[in-house]
């Protein structure tokens, strides 16, 4: 039987950050990201899926709620498709 890992308290997960190296007051001042960071396999998978020209295929992505996944997907991938490439209508679901 697998052991359940011990819960971590605030002291175990807290990491102090020296903010003196930042040249902004809030993240609202930062430019939007133009690429996905740290998700090479996910990016490769989505690019592969979007390259399929036959109908009947879907891309299913799962991630934490409220992290901007839908916006990131639409701006990073749909915006880069060739303009002559038709998009079929469909649905985008986000899940936890």
Protein backbone atom coordinates (compact mmCIF):
# COMPACT_ATOMS: atom_id res chain seq x y z
CA UNK A 1 0.00 0.00 0.00
CA UNK A 2 1.35 3.41 -0.97
CA UNK A 3 2.20 5.88 1.77
CA UNK A 4 0.36 9.18 1.78
CA UNK A 5 2.88 12.03 1.67
CA UNK A 6 2.96 14.31 4.70
CA UNK A 7 1.24 17.65 4.27
CA UNK A 8 3.49 20.68 4.05
CA UNK A 9 2.86 23.74 6.15
CA UNK A 10 3.38 27.38 5.15
CA UNK A 11 6.94 27.42 6.45
CA UNK A 12 7.90 24.47 4.25
CA UNK A 13 6.56 25.98 1.04
CA UNK A 14 7.33 29.69 1.53
CA UNK A 15 10.10 31.09 -0.67
CA UNK A 16 11.18 34.67 -0.14
CA UNK A 17 11.87 36.73 -3.25
CA UNK A 18 14.12 39.77 -3.37
CA UNK A 19 11.96 42.24 -5.30
CA UNK A 20 14.68 44.90 -5.52
CA UNK A 21 15.78 43.40 -8.86
CA UNK A 22 12.42 44.01 -10.51
CA UNK A 23 11.86 47.17 -12.55
CA UNK A 24 8.05 47.18 -12.21
CA UNK A 25 5.58 47.73 -9.39
CA UNK A 26 2.84 45.31 -10.48
CA UNK A 27 2.63 42.57 -13.10
CA UNK A 28 0.03 44.69 -14.93
CA UNK A 29 3.01 46.74 -16.17
CA UNK A 30 4.59 43.74 -17.89
CA UNK A 31 4.20 42.97 -21.58
CA UNK A 32 2.11 39.94 -22.48
CA UNK A 33 4.04 36.75 -23.15
CA UNK A 34 4.46 35.85 -26.80
CA UNK A 35 5.26 32.21 -26.14
CA UNK A 36 4.46 29.40 -23.74
CA UNK A 37 7.16 28.95 -21.11
CA UNK A 38 8.06 25.55 -19.67
CA UNK A 39 5.52 23.49 -21.60
CA UNK A 40 7.55 22.16 -24.55
CA UNK A 41 5.65 18.86 -24.77
CA UNK A 42 2.28 20.60 -24.62
CA UNK A 43 3.30 23.11 -27.30
CA UNK A 44 4.60 20.34 -29.54
CA UNK A 45 1.38 18.36 -29.10
CA UNK A 46 -0.88 21.31 -29.90
CA UNK A 47 1.21 22.25 -32.94
CA UNK A 48 1.02 18.64 -34.15
CA UNK A 49 -2.75 18.55 -33.61
CA UNK A 50 -3.29 21.84 -35.39
CA UNK A 51 -1.30 20.54 -38.33
CA UNK A 52 -3.81 17.77 -39.01
CA UNK A 53 -5.89 18.85 -41.99
CA UNK A 54 -8.52 16.08 -41.90
CA UNK A 55 -11.78 16.60 -40.05
CA UNK A 56 -12.91 14.71 -36.98
CA UNK A 57 -9.91 15.40 -34.77
CA UNK A 58 -9.90 17.35 -31.52
CA UNK A 59 -7.37 18.81 -29.13
CA UNK A 60 -8.09 18.20 -25.46
CA UNK A 61 -6.14 20.23 -22.91
CA UNK A 62 -6.42 20.12 -19.13
CA UNK A 63 -5.00 22.63 -16.69
CA UNK A 64 -5.71 24.64 -13.56
CA UNK A 65 -8.65 27.03 -13.68
CA UNK A 66 -7.87 30.75 -13.84
CA UNK A 67 -4.42 30.45 -15.37
CA UNK A 68 -5.29 31.94 -18.74
CA UNK A 69 -5.09 28.66 -20.65
CA UNK A 70 -7.85 29.58 -23.07
CA UNK A 71 -6.39 33.01 -23.82
CA UNK A 72 -2.90 31.56 -24.17
CA UNK A 73 -4.12 28.85 -26.52
CA UNK A 74 -6.07 31.22 -28.73
CA UNK A 75 -3.36 33.89 -28.89
CA UNK A 76 -0.35 31.57 -29.13
CA UNK A 77 -1.66 28.96 -31.52
CA UNK A 78 -4.74 30.15 -33.37
CA UNK A 79 -3.15 33.52 -34.09
CA UNK A 80 -0.11 31.87 -35.71
CA UNK A 81 -2.00 29.67 -38.15
CA UNK A 82 -1.68 30.57 -41.84
CA UNK A 83 -4.39 33.06 -42.83
CA UNK A 84 -5.50 30.81 -45.69
CA UNK A 85 -6.10 27.94 -43.26
CA UNK A 86 -9.81 27.56 -42.47
CA UNK A 87 -10.80 26.79 -38.89
CA UNK A 88 -13.75 24.52 -38.37
CA UNK A 89 -16.29 25.51 -35.78
CA UNK A 90 -16.16 23.70 -32.51
CA UNK A 91 -16.11 24.01 -28.78
CA UNK A 92 -13.40 24.76 -26.27
CA UNK A 93 -13.86 23.31 -22.81
CA UNK A 94 -11.66 24.07 -19.85
CA UNK A 95 -11.46 21.72 -16.92
CA UNK A 96 -9.65 21.42 -13.63
